[in-house]
Protein backbone atom coordinates (compact mmCIF):
# COMPACT_ATOMS: atom_id res chain seq x y z
CA MET A 1 12.85 -13.11 0.86
CA LEU A 2 10.97 -12.56 4.09
CA LYS A 3 7.24 -12.93 4.53
CA TYR A 4 4.73 -12.36 7.27
CA LYS A 5 1.20 -13.74 6.89
CA THR A 6 -1.85 -12.96 8.97
CA ILE A 7 -5.62 -13.23 8.71
CA SER A 8 -7.78 -10.14 9.11
CA LYS A 9 -11.34 -10.91 10.20
CA SER A 10 -12.75 -7.46 9.36
CA ALA A 11 -12.12 -4.19 7.55
CA ASP A 12 -11.26 -2.66 10.94
CA GLU A 13 -8.56 -5.30 11.52
CA THR A 14 -7.16 -4.60 8.05
CA ARG A 15 -7.01 -0.89 8.90
CA GLN A 16 -5.28 -1.72 12.21
CA ILE A 17 -2.56 -3.67 10.39
CA ALA A 18 -2.05 -0.69 8.06
CA ALA A 19 -1.95 1.65 11.07
CA LYS A 20 0.87 -0.38 12.59
CA LEU A 21 2.73 -0.45 9.29
CA ILE A 22 2.55 3.30 8.63
CA ARG A 23 4.26 3.96 11.98
CA LEU A 24 7.20 1.84 10.79
CA LEU A 25 7.62 3.39 7.33
CA ASP A 26 9.74 6.38 6.34
CA VAL A 27 9.64 9.04 3.65
CA GLY A 28 10.66 7.47 0.35
CA ASP A 29 9.16 4.06 1.10
CA VAL A 30 7.04 2.40 -1.58
CA VAL A 31 4.31 -0.11 -0.72
CA LEU A 32 2.83 -2.27 -3.46
CA LEU A 33 -0.72 -3.46 -2.85
CA THR A 34 -1.68 -6.57 -4.78
CA GLY A 35 -4.92 -8.50 -4.84
CA ASP A 36 -8.12 -8.88 -6.79
CA LEU A 37 -10.89 -6.30 -6.94
CA GLY A 38 -12.50 -6.03 -3.52
CA ALA A 39 -9.54 -7.56 -1.69
CA GLY A 40 -9.13 -4.56 0.62
CA LYS A 41 -6.32 -2.54 -0.95
CA THR A 42 -8.04 0.83 -0.50
CA THR A 43 -9.21 -0.18 2.98
CA PHE A 44 -5.56 -0.79 3.80
CA VAL A 45 -4.56 2.69 2.60
CA SER A 46 -7.43 4.23 4.60
CA GLY A 47 -6.07 2.59 7.76
CA ALA A 48 -2.67 4.15 7.17
CA LEU A 49 -4.19 7.57 6.50
CA ASN A 50 -6.49 7.38 9.54
CA GLU A 51 -3.47 6.60 11.72
CA LEU A 52 -1.86 9.80 10.43
CA GLY A 53 -4.94 11.81 11.39
CA TYR A 54 -6.84 11.89 8.09
CA LYS A 55 -10.56 11.90 8.92
CA ASP A 56 -12.27 11.98 5.52
CA HIS A 57 -13.48 8.95 3.58
CA VAL A 58 -10.76 7.37 1.45
CA VAL A 59 -11.66 6.18 -2.04
CA SER A 60 -9.46 4.52 -4.61
CA PRO A 61 -8.08 6.94 -7.20
CA THR A 62 -9.09 4.55 -10.00
CA PHE A 63 -10.25 7.31 -12.35
CA ASN A 64 -7.73 9.94 -11.25
CA ILE A 65 -4.84 7.44 -11.08
CA LEU A 66 -3.21 9.44 -8.25
CA LYS A 67 -4.43 11.01 -5.03
CA CYS A 68 -2.04 13.08 -2.91
CA TYR A 69 -2.57 13.60 0.80
CA PHE A 70 -0.54 16.64 1.78
CA GLU A 71 -2.58 17.26 4.94
CA VAL A 72 -0.87 14.36 6.73
CA ASN A 73 2.74 13.98 7.76
CA PRO A 74 4.46 12.40 5.98
CA ASN A 75 2.75 13.06 2.65
CA ILE A 76 0.95 10.02 1.27
CA TYR A 77 0.72 9.30 -2.45
CA HIS A 78 -1.93 6.76 -3.42
CA ILE A 79 -1.66 5.43 -6.98
CA ASP A 80 -4.19 3.10 -8.57
CA ALA A 81 -2.61 1.88 -11.82
CA TYR A 82 -5.57 -0.32 -12.82
CA ARG A 83 -6.52 1.88 -15.78
CA LEU A 84 -2.94 2.01 -17.05
CA GLU A 85 -2.88 -1.54 -18.36
CA ASP A 86 -1.56 -1.42 -21.93
CA GLN A 87 -1.28 2.39 -21.73
CA ASN A 88 1.60 4.82 -21.92
CA ILE A 89 2.84 5.08 -18.34
CA ASP A 90 5.05 8.10 -19.00
CA ILE A 91 2.73 10.46 -17.11
CA GLY A 92 5.02 11.64 -14.32
CA LEU A 93 4.19 9.07 -11.64
CA GLU A 94 7.87 8.52 -10.82
CA GLU A 95 7.88 12.02 -9.30
CA TYR A 96 5.53 10.70 -6.61
CA ILE A 97 6.91 7.16 -6.38
CA GLU A 98 10.33 8.64 -5.66
CA GLY A 99 8.89 11.68 -3.90
CA ASN A 100 8.99 13.20 -0.45
CA GLY A 101 6.34 10.96 1.08
CA ILE A 102 5.23 7.37 1.31
CA CYS A 103 3.74 5.89 -1.85
CA PHE A 104 1.05 3.18 -1.91
CA ILE A 105 0.52 1.60 -5.34
CA GLU A 106 -2.50 -0.52 -6.23
CA TRP A 107 -2.14 -2.71 -9.33
CA PRO A 108 1.64 -2.19 -9.56
CA LYS A 109 2.00 -4.77 -12.34
CA PHE A 110 0.63 -2.18 -14.79
CA ILE A 111 3.48 0.24 -14.08
CA GLU A 112 6.19 -2.30 -13.38
CA PRO A 113 9.04 -0.32 -15.05
CA LEU A 114 8.43 2.50 -12.54
CA ILE A 115 8.61 0.28 -9.44
CA PRO A 116 11.86 0.76 -7.51
CA MET A 117 13.84 -2.24 -6.34
CA ARG A 118 13.31 -1.11 -2.77
CA HIS A 119 9.65 -1.75 -2.02
CA LEU A 120 7.42 -3.66 0.36
CA GLU A 121 4.63 -5.76 -1.13
CA ILE A 122 1.34 -6.29 0.66
CA SER A 123 -0.72 -9.09 -0.84
CA LEU A 124 -4.40 -9.09 0.10
CA LYS A 125 -6.59 -12.07 -0.68
CA ARG A 126 -10.29 -12.40 0.04
CA ILE A 127 -10.95 -15.66 1.89
CA GLY A 128 -14.46 -14.91 3.13
CA ASP A 129 -17.03 -12.14 3.23
CA ASN A 130 -15.00 -10.14 5.74
CA GLU A 131 -11.82 -12.19 6.08
CA ARG A 132 -8.61 -11.38 4.24
CA GLU A 133 -5.27 -13.10 4.10
CA ILE A 134 -2.65 -10.36 4.32
CA VAL A 135 0.95 -11.14 3.45
CA LEU A 136 3.82 -8.68 3.84
CA ILE A 137 6.60 -9.59 1.40
CA ASP A 138 10.12 -8.18 1.44
CA GLN A 139 11.86 -9.37 -1.73
CA ASN A 140 15.24 -7.72 -1.11
CA ASP A 141 15.71 -7.52 2.69
CA PHE A 142 15.15 -3.75 2.79
CA TYR A 143 12.18 -4.16 5.12
CA LYS A 144 13.35 -7.10 7.23
CA ASP A 145 13.04 -5.10 10.47
CA ILE A 146 9.41 -4.28 9.63
CA ILE A 147 8.63 -7.94 8.86
CA LYS A 148 10.30 -8.98 12.11
CA SER A 149 8.30 -6.41 14.09
CA PHE A 150 5.08 -7.97 12.79
CA GLU A 151 6.32 -11.44 13.65
CA GLY A 152 6.94 -10.29 17.22
CA LYS A 153 3.50 -8.60 17.27
């Protein structure tokens, strides 16, 4: 298992980390976003989308469960599984998780059977009003080159 840990001092820094990451990802990649409410998961996704040219405000798809961004290249699928705790998860999400874009999943523990073995986890932890500890975790060495690129800055 490889890890890279950094401290973000602002929402803008969190978005910059996401912007760097999105340039390193490919179609079919799955990114799990873990952390408590308010940790910066949606801010992270907005940084990736902004880097791809998306200009509108990004909100978590908590009530919709899924938001698709077809106006960027590659397509971005943003899943918020928070409301799926103890629910039937057979609602077609695997079509997007395994789809023709990059998938970001908030609260992945609630749809664990749908999570592919090949994924990158981003753990976000609030350590101050604006500061976040951000850890990139590669459980299975699929993303070792990405982790190494962050280590080299």
